[in-house]
Amino acid sequence: RPKLSKGGTTALVDPTEYRSLVGSLRYLVHTRPDISFAVGMVSRFMEKPRQEHLAAVKHLLRYIAGTVEYGLVYPKLSGVDNSLTGYSDSDLGGDVDDRKSTSGIIYFLGTKAVAWQSQKQKVVALSSCEAEYIAGAGAACQAVWLTRLLKDVTGEAPQAPRLKMDNMSAIALSKNPVLHDRSKHIDTKYHFIRECVDKGDLLLEFASSQEQLADLMKKALGRSRFCELREKIGVVNLG
């Protein structure tokens, strides 16, 4: 399927109906992380939706109808595992209109997914390292928020979250500003991840592309890979 674009050649459709459908889907994302990327993609065309955009929404609705019994499970456990583990990933220039990248972030409390995000980045990244670094900065913000929330709920300060990235250059840039020529143009706000690492509030780890669970949040995947990651993040058949 070709990538969707704002400048399509098909006829315009009723924007009110389109926004209503997408709005309902965005509500569903709160319990179905497997559709985060798809819903984020169709949300980009709310201003002037076309037939091809509506067709993508209907395709997504057919998938949901076929997996209506799927969802996340949070079983009651005997032991308490309050460790936070996150995954952040990014494509490079995936949006065909403005060449901005998409960040994918997912966090697990123990082994269960508790927070996820698929969002187009605000700036155009000039390299995969920069795109991954920006995604990591967003994941660092999520880590700080989740850590504070967990502390408020449990009354105890949790251990520093672990964030897994699959780009060694982005990890090196986060730990040490050695790649100055590649990072001096990056907006200061994205260096927040470096501050978190320096303070010990976030631990960075490398995860291979095969182990990268946030891959589901940044791009469209083939059926087998999609089903594999869907199961790994905990979306299973509850029937």
Protein backbone atom coordinates (compact mmCIF):
# COMPACT_ATOMS: atom_id res chain seq x y z
CA ARG A 1 0.00 0.00 0.00
CA PRO A 2 1.50 3.42 -0.99
CA LYS A 3 2.14 5.95 1.74
CA LEU A 4 -0.68 8.40 2.40
CA SER A 5 -0.23 12.05 1.46
CA LYS A 6 -2.20 15.26 1.95
CA GLY A 7 -1.96 16.04 -1.76
CA GLY A 8 -3.90 13.03 -2.98
CA THR A 9 -5.72 12.82 -6.30
CA THR A 10 -8.95 11.26 -5.04
CA ALA A 11 -12.12 13.20 -4.21
CA LEU A 12 -12.63 14.99 -0.92
CA VAL A 13 -14.93 13.36 1.65
CA ASP A 14 -17.13 14.72 4.43
CA PRO A 15 -14.64 16.04 7.03
CA THR A 16 -17.18 15.84 9.89
CA GLU A 17 -17.73 12.10 9.39
CA TYR A 18 -13.99 11.50 9.01
CA ARG A 19 -13.15 13.41 12.20
CA SER A 20 -15.84 11.54 14.10
CA LEU A 21 -14.38 8.18 13.05
CA VAL A 22 -10.80 9.18 13.83
CA GLY A 23 -11.84 10.70 17.16
CA SER A 24 -13.41 7.38 18.19
CA LEU A 25 -10.27 5.55 17.12
CA ARG A 26 -8.09 7.88 19.17
CA TYR A 27 -10.17 6.98 22.21
CA LEU A 28 -9.57 3.29 21.50
CA VAL A 29 -5.79 3.80 21.39
CA HIS A 30 -5.85 4.12 25.20
CA THR A 31 -6.43 0.35 25.45
CA ARG A 32 -5.03 -0.88 22.12
CA PRO A 33 -1.37 0.09 21.61
CA ASP A 34 -1.20 -2.04 18.46
CA ILE A 35 -3.19 0.56 16.50
CA SER A 36 -1.26 3.62 17.75
CA PHE A 37 0.73 4.16 14.57
CA ALA A 38 -2.21 3.62 12.21
CA VAL A 39 -4.47 6.01 14.15
CA GLY A 40 -1.69 8.59 14.35
CA MET A 41 -1.24 8.36 10.58
CA VAL A 42 -4.92 8.85 9.64
CA SER A 43 -5.13 11.71 12.18
CA ARG A 44 -2.82 13.79 9.97
CA PHE A 45 -5.51 14.32 7.33
CA MET A 46 -8.38 15.74 9.37
CA GLU A 47 -8.30 19.12 7.63
CA LYS A 48 -9.01 17.90 4.09
CA PRO A 49 -9.65 14.16 4.12
CA ARG A 50 -9.85 12.34 0.78
CA GLN A 51 -11.21 8.99 -0.37
CA GLU A 52 -7.83 7.29 0.10
CA HIS A 53 -7.67 8.51 3.71
CA LEU A 54 -11.19 7.28 4.42
CA ALA A 55 -10.30 3.93 2.82
CA ALA A 56 -7.36 3.65 5.26
CA VAL A 57 -9.71 4.37 8.19
CA LYS A 58 -12.14 1.70 6.99
CA HIS A 59 -9.26 -0.76 6.59
CA LEU A 60 -8.31 -0.06 10.22
CA LEU A 61 -11.92 -0.50 11.34
CA ARG A 62 -12.03 -3.91 9.62
CA TYR A 63 -8.89 -4.93 11.52
CA ILE A 64 -10.49 -3.83 14.82
CA ALA A 65 -13.71 -5.72 13.98
CA GLY A 66 -11.64 -8.85 13.40
CA THR A 67 -9.70 -8.45 16.65
CA VAL A 68 -12.49 -7.13 18.86
CA GLU A 69 -11.65 -9.68 21.57
CA TYR A 70 -8.00 -8.57 21.77
CA GLY A 71 -6.71 -6.39 24.58
CA LEU A 72 -4.21 -5.95 27.37
CA VAL A 73 -4.25 -8.18 30.46
CA TYR A 74 -3.06 -7.09 33.90
CA PRO A 75 -3.18 -10.21 36.10
CA LYS A 76 -2.88 -10.10 39.86
CA LEU A 77 0.64 -11.16 40.82
CA SER A 78 2.00 -12.42 44.12
CA GLY A 79 5.21 -10.38 43.91
CA VAL A 80 5.50 -6.66 43.11
CA ASP A 81 7.68 -5.62 40.18
CA ASN A 82 7.81 -1.83 39.97
CA SER A 83 10.67 -1.68 37.48
CA LEU A 84 10.09 0.55 34.46
CA THR A 85 11.47 -0.49 31.07
CA GLY A 86 10.97 1.64 27.99
CA TYR A 87 11.61 1.29 24.28
CA SER A 88 12.03 4.22 21.90
CA ASP A 89 12.46 4.08 18.14
CA SER A 90 12.08 6.31 15.11
CA ASP A 91 11.93 6.09 11.35
CA LEU A 92 13.68 8.71 9.18
CA GLY A 93 11.63 11.14 7.13
CA GLY A 94 8.64 8.84 6.95
CA ASP A 95 6.09 11.59 6.25
CA VAL A 96 6.00 12.11 2.48
CA ASP A 97 4.66 15.66 2.78
CA ASP A 98 7.19 17.34 5.10
CA ARG A 99 9.77 14.54 5.58
CA LYS A 100 9.39 14.58 9.35
CA SER A 101 10.03 11.38 11.28
CA THR A 102 7.73 9.45 13.59
CA SER A 103 8.69 8.64 17.20
CA GLY A 104 7.52 5.41 18.79
CA ILE A 105 7.64 4.98 22.58
CA ILE A 106 6.33 2.25 24.87
CA TYR A 107 6.90 1.67 28.60
CA PHE A 108 6.40 -1.46 30.66
CA LEU A 109 5.81 -1.72 34.41
CA GLY A 110 7.33 -5.09 35.09
CA THR A 111 6.22 -7.00 31.99
CA LYS A 112 2.98 -5.12 31.27
CA ALA A 113 2.61 -2.13 28.95
CA VAL A 114 1.42 0.99 30.80
CA ALA A 115 2.24 3.91 28.46
CA TRP A 116 2.73 4.22 24.72
CA GLN A 117 2.95 6.91 22.08
CA SER A 118 3.28 7.24 18.32
CA GLN A 119 3.80 10.84 17.24
CA LYS A 120 5.22 12.78 14.33
CA GLN A 121 8.27 14.78 15.37
CA LYS A 122 8.15 18.58 15.40
CA VAL A 123 11.32 19.10 13.34
CA VAL A 124 12.95 17.53 10.29
CA ALA A 125 15.78 15.20 11.37
CA LEU A 126 18.93 15.25 9.24
CA SER A 127 20.07 11.74 10.18
CA SER A 128 18.79 8.54 11.77
CA CYS A 129 20.92 9.39 14.82
CA GLU A 130 19.12 12.71 15.25
CA ALA A 131 15.68 11.14 14.71
CA GLU A 132 16.42 8.46 17.33
CA TYR A 133 17.85 11.07 19.71
CA ILE A 134 14.68 13.18 19.48
CA ALA A 135 12.56 10.06 20.09
CA GLY A 136 14.76 9.28 23.11
CA ALA A 137 14.17 12.79 24.48
CA GLY A 138 10.43 12.19 24.32
CA ALA A 139 10.89 8.85 26.05
CA ALA A 140 12.96 10.55 28.78
CA CYS A 141 10.06 12.93 29.51
CA GLN A 142 7.72 9.94 29.79
CA ALA A 143 10.19 8.22 32.14
CA VAL A 144 10.33 11.21 34.49
CA TRP A 145 6.53 11.47 34.58
CA LEU A 146 6.03 7.73 35.15
CA THR A 147 8.68 7.67 37.89
CA ARG A 148 6.98 10.52 39.76
CA LEU A 149 3.56 8.90 39.35
CA LEU A 150 4.87 5.57 40.61
CA LYS A 151 6.45 7.27 43.62
CA ASP A 152 3.14 9.00 44.45
CA VAL A 153 1.23 5.71 44.20
CA THR A 154 3.64 3.45 46.10
CA GLY A 155 5.22 5.99 48.44
CA GLU A 156 8.67 4.72 47.52
CA ALA A 157 11.19 6.03 45.03
CA PRO A 158 11.48 3.43 42.22
CA GLN A 159 14.78 2.49 40.64
CA ALA A 160 15.86 4.44 37.56
CA PRO A 161 13.94 3.37 34.44
CA ARG A 162 15.77 1.58 31.65
CA LEU A 163 15.34 2.86 28.10
CA LYS A 164 16.24 0.59 25.19
CA MET A 165 17.27 2.14 21.87
CA ASP A 166 18.58 0.47 18.71
CA ASN A 167 20.90 3.25 17.53
CA MET A 168 24.39 3.24 19.04
CA SER A 169 25.15 6.78 17.83
CA ALA A 170 22.07 8.17 19.58
CA ILE A 171 23.05 6.34 22.78
CA ALA A 172 26.60 7.73 22.57
CA LEU A 173 25.24 11.23 21.96
CA SER A 174 22.94 10.90 24.99
CA LYS A 175 25.76 9.79 27.28
CA ASN A 176 28.53 12.08 26.05
CA PRO A 177 28.45 15.16 23.77
CA VAL A 178 31.33 13.84 21.68
CA LEU A 179 29.53 14.04 18.34
CA HIS A 180 29.41 17.83 18.38
CA ASP A 181 29.32 18.33 14.62
CA ARG A 182 26.30 16.05 14.37
CA SER A 183 24.41 17.57 17.28
CA LYS A 184 25.15 21.31 17.43
CA HIS A 185 22.08 22.11 15.29
CA ILE A 186 19.69 20.07 17.46
CA ASP A 187 17.29 22.18 19.51
CA THR A 188 18.37 22.53 23.14
CA LYS A 189 15.12 21.03 24.48
CA TYR A 190 15.99 17.64 22.97
CA HIS A 191 19.14 17.46 25.11
CA PHE A 192 16.87 16.74 28.09
CA ILE A 193 17.71 13.06 27.69
CA ARG A 194 21.40 13.84 28.25
CA GLU A 195 20.55 15.63 31.49
CA CYS A 196 18.50 12.64 32.69
CA VAL A 197 21.36 10.26 31.92
CA ASP A 198 23.92 12.51 33.65
CA LYS A 199 21.77 12.65 36.80
CA GLY A 200 21.22 8.90 36.80
CA ASP A 201 17.47 9.27 36.34
CA LEU A 202 17.54 7.16 33.18
CA LEU A 203 19.64 4.16 32.15
CA LEU A 204 20.21 3.67 28.43
CA GLU A 205 20.65 0.22 26.93
CA PHE A 206 21.09 -1.04 23.40
CA ALA A 207 18.43 -3.30 21.93
CA SER A 208 18.80 -4.85 18.48
CA SER A 209 16.24 -4.03 15.82
CA GLN A 210 14.72 -7.49 16.30
CA GLU A 211 14.24 -6.82 20.03
CA GLN A 212 12.92 -3.28 19.54
CA LEU A 213 9.26 -3.41 20.64
CA ALA A 214 8.65 0.26 19.75
CA ASP A 215 9.02 -0.74 16.08
CA LEU A 216 5.25 -1.26 16.19
CA MET A 217 4.73 2.45 16.96
CA LYS A 218 6.77 4.05 14.17
CA LYS A 219 5.86 2.39 10.86
CA ALA A 220 3.59 -0.03 9.07
CA LEU A 221 4.81 -3.62 9.42
CA GLY A 222 4.29 -6.88 7.59
CA ARG A 223 1.66 -9.22 8.96
CA SER A 224 4.02 -11.71 10.65
CA ARG A 225 6.20 -9.05 12.29
CA PHE A 226 3.13 -7.07 13.37
CA CYS A 227 1.51 -10.13 15.01
CA GLU A 228 4.81 -11.02 16.68
CA LEU A 229 5.22 -7.57 18.25
CA ARG A 230 1.53 -7.33 19.12
CA GLU A 231 1.89 -10.45 21.24
CA LYS A 232 5.15 -9.29 22.81
CA ILE A 233 3.66 -6.01 24.02
CA GLY A 234 0.82 -7.93 25.65
CA VAL A 235 -2.15 -7.47 23.28
CA VAL A 236 -3.68 -10.95 23.29
CA ASN A 237 -6.97 -12.66 22.55
CA LEU A 238 -9.16 -12.43 25.66
CA GLY A 239 -11.87 -14.70 24.26
